[in-house]
Amino acid sequence: MSDPTTPPPGDPYGQQPPPPPGAPQPPMYDPSQQGFAPPPPPPPAYDPNAYQQQGYPPGYQQPYQQPYAGGPGPFDSRATTVLILGILGLLICQILGPVAWMMGNGVKKEAEAAGYPEPGNNKAGRICGIIGTVFLALAIVGFIIAFAVGATRASVTVN
C-alpha cells in the first residue's frame, strides 16, 4: 500500500515538464495535433449604418436626442453669481440671501423672456437665497423677542 499523503512519482497533474533552457519552443498551434481548434475569424469591419435605428434615414437622429450646442449659455455667468451669493447667504452672511433671491428672479425672467430655460445654477442659488432669507427673518424675530424679554426683565428688576 502506498501512503496517500505522498504524491505519486512524476507530475501529479499530468503535465509535461518544461523544456530545458535553450531548447526550441514547441509551436503554440499545430493543426496536426488533435484537440486544438483553429483560431477564430477576425471581427467584421465597422459599418456605421449597421446600428441605425429603423425608420430614420442615415445621418439623422431620433427627435428626442438634441445635439449638444456646446459652450455656456448667455445667462450662466450671472447664474453662477446668484449661486455663490445664495450659498454665502445660506452659510455665512444671511443678508446676502434676499440679494441672491432677487437677482435669481431677475435672471429667471430674462432667460424665460429670451426663450431659454432657467439655468441650474440660478435655480440652486435662488433656492439657497430663499432659505437664507428665511433664516434671516427667523434671526430678526429671535433678536426682537430676546430684546423684548430682556427689556421686560430689566424693567421688573429695577422697580
C-alpha atoms as a PDB file:
ATOM      1  CA  MET A   1       0.000   0.000   0.000  1.00  0.00           C
ATOM      2  CA  SER A   2       1.240   3.451  -0.793  1.00  0.00           C
ATOM      3  CA  ASP A   3       0.947   6.353   1.581  1.00  0.00           C
ATOM      4  CA  PRO A   4      -1.947   8.687   0.500  1.00  0.00           C
ATOM      5  CA  THR A   5      -0.071  11.775   1.708  1.00  0.00           C
ATOM      6  CA  THR A   6       2.910  11.322  -0.596  1.00  0.00           C
ATOM      7  CA  PRO A   7       2.490  12.390  -4.217  1.00  0.00           C
ATOM      8  CA  PRO A   8       2.977   9.818  -6.976  1.00  0.00           C
ATOM      9  CA  PRO A   9       6.238   9.931  -8.909  1.00  0.00           C
ATOM     10  CA  GLY A  10       6.277  12.408 -11.789  1.00  0.00           C
ATOM     11  CA  ASP A  11       3.905  15.306 -12.240  1.00  0.00           C
ATOM     12  CA  PRO A  12       0.622  14.710 -10.361  1.00  0.00           C
ATOM     13  CA  TYR A  13      -1.373  16.826 -12.797  1.00  0.00           C
ATOM     14  CA  GLY A  14      -0.324  15.047 -15.973  1.00  0.00           C
ATOM     15  CA  GLN A  15       1.553  17.989 -17.437  1.00  0.00           C
ATOM     16  CA  GLN A  16       4.762  17.696 -19.342  1.00  0.00           C
ATOM     17  CA  PRO A  17       7.823  19.221 -17.695  1.00  0.00           C
ATOM     18  CA  PRO A  18       9.078  22.422 -19.315  1.00  0.00           C
ATOM     19  CA  PRO A  19      11.816  22.088 -21.933  1.00  0.00           C
ATOM     20  CA  PRO A  20      15.358  22.774 -20.786  1.00  0.00           C
ATOM     21  CA  PRO A  21      16.735  26.284 -21.369  1.00  0.00           C
ATOM     22  CA  GLY A  22      17.970  26.845 -24.905  1.00  0.00           C
ATOM     23  CA  ALA A  23      15.772  24.105 -26.391  1.00  0.00           C
ATOM     24  CA  PRO A  24      13.416  25.108 -29.232  1.00  0.00           C
ATOM     25  CA  GLN A  25       9.921  26.001 -28.063  1.00  0.00           C
ATOM     26  CA  PRO A  26       7.022  23.929 -29.415  1.00  0.00           C
ATOM     27  CA  PRO A  27       4.607  25.819 -31.668  1.00  0.00           C
ATOM     28  CA  MET A  28       1.549  27.323 -29.973  1.00  0.00           C
ATOM     29  CA  TYR A  29      -0.822  25.866 -32.555  1.00  0.00           C
ATOM     30  CA  ASP A  30      -0.195  22.748 -34.567  1.00  0.00           C
ATOM     31  CA  PRO A  31      -3.184  21.740 -36.738  1.00  0.00           C
ATOM     32  CA  SER A  32      -1.904  18.188 -36.956  1.00  0.00           C
ATOM     33  CA  GLN A  33      -2.444  17.670 -33.224  1.00  0.00           C
ATOM     34  CA  GLN A  34      -5.911  16.766 -32.135  1.00  0.00           C
ATOM     35  CA  GLY A  35      -7.710  18.800 -29.500  1.00  0.00           C
ATOM     36  CA  PHE A  36      -6.731  22.188 -30.921  1.00  0.00           C
ATOM     37  CA  ALA A  37      -9.312  24.376 -32.612  1.00  0.00           C
ATOM     38  CA  PRO A  38      -8.427  26.778 -35.418  1.00  0.00           C
ATOM     39  CA  PRO A  39      -8.221  30.462 -34.420  1.00  0.00           C
ATOM     40  CA  PRO A  40     -11.467  32.426 -34.643  1.00  0.00           C
ATOM     41  CA  PRO A  41     -12.113  34.555 -37.720  1.00  0.00           C
ATOM     42  CA  PRO A  42     -11.348  38.285 -37.499  1.00  0.00           C
ATOM     43  CA  PRO A  43     -14.236  40.557 -36.453  1.00  0.00           C
ATOM     44  CA  PRO A  44     -16.254  42.180 -39.231  1.00  0.00           C
ATOM     45  CA  ALA A  45     -15.349  45.671 -40.374  1.00  0.00           C
ATOM     46  CA  TYR A  46     -17.231  48.565 -38.723  1.00  0.00           C
ATOM     47  CA  ASP A  47     -20.331  49.638 -40.594  1.00  0.00           C
ATOM     48  CA  PRO A  48     -21.768  52.949 -39.283  1.00  0.00           C
ATOM     49  CA  ASN A  49     -25.168  52.198 -40.820  1.00  0.00           C
ATOM     50  CA  ALA A  50     -25.426  48.793 -39.129  1.00  0.00           C
ATOM     51  CA  TYR A  51     -26.636  50.350 -35.896  1.00  0.00           C
ATOM     52  CA  GLN A  52     -29.006  52.887 -37.471  1.00  0.00           C
ATOM     53  CA  GLN A  53     -32.492  52.636 -35.995  1.00  0.00           C
ATOM     54  CA  GLN A  54     -35.278  51.699 -38.309  1.00  0.00           C
ATOM     55  CA  GLY A  55     -37.461  54.496 -39.638  1.00  0.00           C
ATOM     56  CA  TYR A  56     -34.758  57.189 -39.877  1.00  0.00           C
ATOM     57  CA  PRO A  57     -32.637  57.923 -42.926  1.00  0.00           C
ATOM     58  CA  PRO A  58     -28.865  57.644 -42.492  1.00  0.00           C
ATOM     59  CA  GLY A  59     -27.329  60.647 -40.749  1.00  0.00           C
ATOM     60  CA  TYR A  60     -30.429  61.615 -38.777  1.00  0.00           C
ATOM     61  CA  GLN A  61     -31.006  61.127 -35.067  1.00  0.00           C
ATOM     62  CA  GLN A  62     -34.137  60.438 -33.131  1.00  0.00           C
ATOM     63  CA  PRO A  63     -36.077  63.637 -32.416  1.00  0.00           C
ATOM     64  CA  TYR A  64     -35.633  63.466 -28.633  1.00  0.00           C
ATOM     65  CA  GLN A  65     -31.840  63.375 -28.881  1.00  0.00           C
ATOM     66  CA  GLN A  66     -30.849  67.022 -29.050  1.00  0.00           C
ATOM     67  CA  PRO A  67     -27.303  67.615 -30.240  1.00  0.00           C
ATOM     68  CA  TYR A  68     -25.133  69.402 -27.680  1.00  0.00           C
ATOM     69  CA  ALA A  69     -24.663  73.016 -28.694  1.00  0.00           C
ATOM     70  CA  GLY A  70     -21.565  73.378 -26.535  1.00  0.00           C
ATOM     71  CA  GLY A  71     -20.360  76.303 -24.527  1.00  0.00           C
ATOM     72  CA  PRO A  72     -22.029  78.177 -21.698  1.00  0.00           C
ATOM     73  CA  GLY A  73     -25.441  79.727 -22.100  1.00  0.00           C
ATOM     74  CA  PRO A  74     -25.914  83.511 -22.190  1.00  0.00           C
ATOM     75  CA  PHE A  75     -27.143  83.618 -18.571  1.00  0.00           C
ATOM     76  CA  ASP A  76     -24.685  81.193 -16.971  1.00  0.00           C
ATOM     77  CA  SER A  77     -22.222  83.789 -15.635  1.00  0.00           C
ATOM     78  CA  ARG A  78     -24.917  85.700 -13.746  1.00  0.00           C
ATOM     79  CA  ALA A  79     -26.452  82.398 -12.627  1.00  0.00           C
ATOM     80  CA  THR A  80     -23.112  81.423 -11.102  1.00  0.00           C
ATOM     81  CA  THR A  81     -23.038  84.758  -9.263  1.00  0.00           C
ATOM     82  CA  VAL A  82     -26.527  84.055  -7.910  1.00  0.00           C
ATOM     83  CA  LEU A  83     -25.384  80.594  -6.776  1.00  0.00           C
ATOM     84  CA  ILE A  84     -22.350  82.000  -4.937  1.00  0.00           C
ATOM     85  CA  LEU A  85     -24.442  84.711  -3.268  1.00  0.00           C
ATOM     86  CA  GLY A  86     -27.077  82.138  -2.310  1.00  0.00           C
ATOM     87  CA  ILE A  87     -24.533  79.800  -0.737  1.00  0.00           C
ATOM     88  CA  LEU A  88     -22.886  82.669   1.146  1.00  0.00           C
ATOM     89  CA  GLY A  89     -26.323  83.902   2.262  1.00  0.00           C
ATOM     90  CA  LEU A  90     -27.194  80.427   3.469  1.00  0.00           C
ATOM     91  CA  LEU A  91     -23.974  79.669   5.332  1.00  0.00           C
ATOM     92  CA  ILE A  92     -22.133  82.840   6.320  1.00  0.00           C
ATOM     93  CA  CYS A  93     -23.965  86.143   5.883  1.00  0.00           C
ATOM     94  CA  GLN A  94     -27.758  85.857   5.745  1.00  0.00           C
ATOM     95  CA  ILE A  95     -28.138  89.434   4.468  1.00  0.00           C
ATOM     96  CA  LEU A  96     -26.967  88.098   1.071  1.00  0.00           C
ATOM     97  CA  GLY A  97     -29.970  85.714   0.914  1.00  0.00           C
ATOM     98  CA  PRO A  98     -32.509  88.342  -0.264  1.00  0.00           C
ATOM     99  CA  VAL A  99     -29.940  89.690  -2.749  1.00  0.00           C
ATOM    100  CA  ALA A 100     -29.496  86.226  -4.272  1.00  0.00           C
ATOM    101  CA  TRP A 101     -33.266  85.695  -4.303  1.00  0.00           C
ATOM    102  CA  MET A 102     -33.951  88.996  -6.144  1.00  0.00           C
ATOM    103  CA  MET A 103     -31.075  88.557  -8.596  1.00  0.00           C
ATOM    104  CA  GLY A 104     -32.167  84.958  -9.265  1.00  0.00           C
ATOM    105  CA  ASN A 105     -35.721  86.076 -10.030  1.00  0.00           C
ATOM    106  CA  GLY A 106     -34.358  88.667 -12.476  1.00  0.00           C
ATOM    107  CA  VAL A 107     -32.157  86.143 -14.299  1.00  0.00           C
ATOM    108  CA  LYS A 108     -35.057  83.658 -14.448  1.00  0.00           C
ATOM    109  CA  LYS A 109     -37.383  86.258 -16.017  1.00  0.00           C
ATOM    110  CA  GLU A 110     -34.773  87.354 -18.549  1.00  0.00           C
ATOM    111  CA  ALA A 111     -33.923  83.781 -19.537  1.00  0.00           C
ATOM    112  CA  GLU A 112     -37.574  82.810 -19.988  1.00  0.00           C
ATOM    113  CA  ALA A 113     -38.273  86.005 -21.964  1.00  0.00           C
ATOM    114  CA  ALA A 114     -35.398  85.127 -24.318  1.00  0.00           C
ATOM    115  CA  GLY A 115     -36.702  81.570 -24.756  1.00  0.00           C
ATOM    116  CA  TYR A 116     -34.041  79.847 -22.663  1.00  0.00           C
ATOM    117  CA  PRO A 117     -34.710  77.560 -19.704  1.00  0.00           C
ATOM    118  CA  GLU A 118     -33.657  78.751 -16.270  1.00  0.00           C
ATOM    119  CA  PRO A 119     -30.001  77.810 -15.675  1.00  0.00           C
ATOM    120  CA  GLY A 120     -29.497  75.198 -12.979  1.00  0.00           C
ATOM    121  CA  ASN A 121     -27.012  77.381 -11.090  1.00  0.00           C
ATOM    122  CA  ASN A 122     -29.612  80.133 -10.963  1.00  0.00           C
ATOM    123  CA  LYS A 123     -32.296  77.821  -9.611  1.00  0.00           C
ATOM    124  CA  ALA A 124     -29.975  76.454  -6.922  1.00  0.00           C
ATOM    125  CA  GLY A 125     -28.797  79.948  -5.957  1.00  0.00           C
ATOM    126  CA  ARG A 126     -32.364  81.243  -5.847  1.00  0.00           C
ATOM    127  CA  ILE A 127     -33.419  78.386  -3.550  1.00  0.00           C
ATOM    128  CA  CYS A 128     -30.392  78.981  -1.294  1.00  0.00           C
ATOM    129  CA  GLY A 129     -31.332  82.681  -1.253  1.00  0.00           C
ATOM    130  CA  ILE A 130     -34.906  81.862  -0.216  1.00  0.00           C
ATOM    131  CA  ILE A 131     -33.673  79.616   2.603  1.00  0.00           C
ATOM    132  CA  GLY A 132     -31.105  82.250   3.678  1.00  0.00           C
ATOM    133  CA  THR A 133     -33.876  84.867   3.721  1.00  0.00           C
ATOM    134  CA  VAL A 134     -35.997  82.634   5.945  1.00  0.00           C
ATOM    135  CA  PHE A 135     -33.015  82.181   8.293  1.00  0.00           C
ATOM    136  CA  LEU A 136     -32.521  85.976   8.308  1.00  0.00           C
ATOM    137  CA  ALA A 137     -36.189  86.573   9.167  1.00  0.00           C
ATOM    138  CA  LEU A 138     -36.043  83.985  11.962  1.00  0.00           C
ATOM    139  CA  ALA A 139     -32.889  85.601  13.347  1.00  0.00           C
ATOM    140  CA  ILE A 140     -34.508  89.051  13.291  1.00  0.00           C
ATOM    141  CA  VAL A 141     -37.631  87.724  15.039  1.00  0.00           C
ATOM    142  CA  GLY A 142     -35.421  85.927  17.575  1.00  0.00           C
ATOM    143  CA  PHE A 143     -33.470  89.124  18.305  1.00  0.00           C
ATOM    144  CA  ILE A 144     -36.697  91.103  18.730  1.00  0.00           C
ATOM    145  CA  ILE A 145     -38.099  88.502  21.134  1.00  0.00           C
ATOM    146  CA  ALA A 146     -34.810  88.326  23.046  1.00  0.00           C
ATOM    147  CA  PHE A 147     -34.666  92.136  23.259  1.00  0.00           C
ATOM    148  CA  ALA A 148     -38.275  92.339  24.426  1.00  0.00           C
ATOM    149  CA  VAL A 149     -37.787  89.645  27.051  1.00  0.00           C
ATOM    150  CA  GLY A 150     -34.563  91.263  28.237  1.00  0.00           C
ATOM    151  CA  ALA A 151     -36.176  94.700  28.416  1.00  0.00           C
ATOM    152  CA  THR A 152     -39.137  93.432  30.461  1.00  0.00           C
ATOM    153  CA  ARG A 153     -36.876  91.577  32.868  1.00  0.00           C
ATOM    154  CA  ALA A 154     -34.636  94.623  33.253  1.00  0.00           C
ATOM    155  CA  SER A 155     -37.638  96.876  33.995  1.00  0.00           C
ATOM    156  CA  VAL A 156     -39.028  94.364  36.507  1.00  0.00           C
ATOM    157  CA  THR A 157     -35.751  94.165  38.449  1.00  0.00           C
ATOM    158  CA  VAL A 158     -35.263  97.968  38.516  1.00  0.00           C
ATOM    159  CA  ASN A 159     -38.635  98.619  40.232  1.00  0.00           C
END
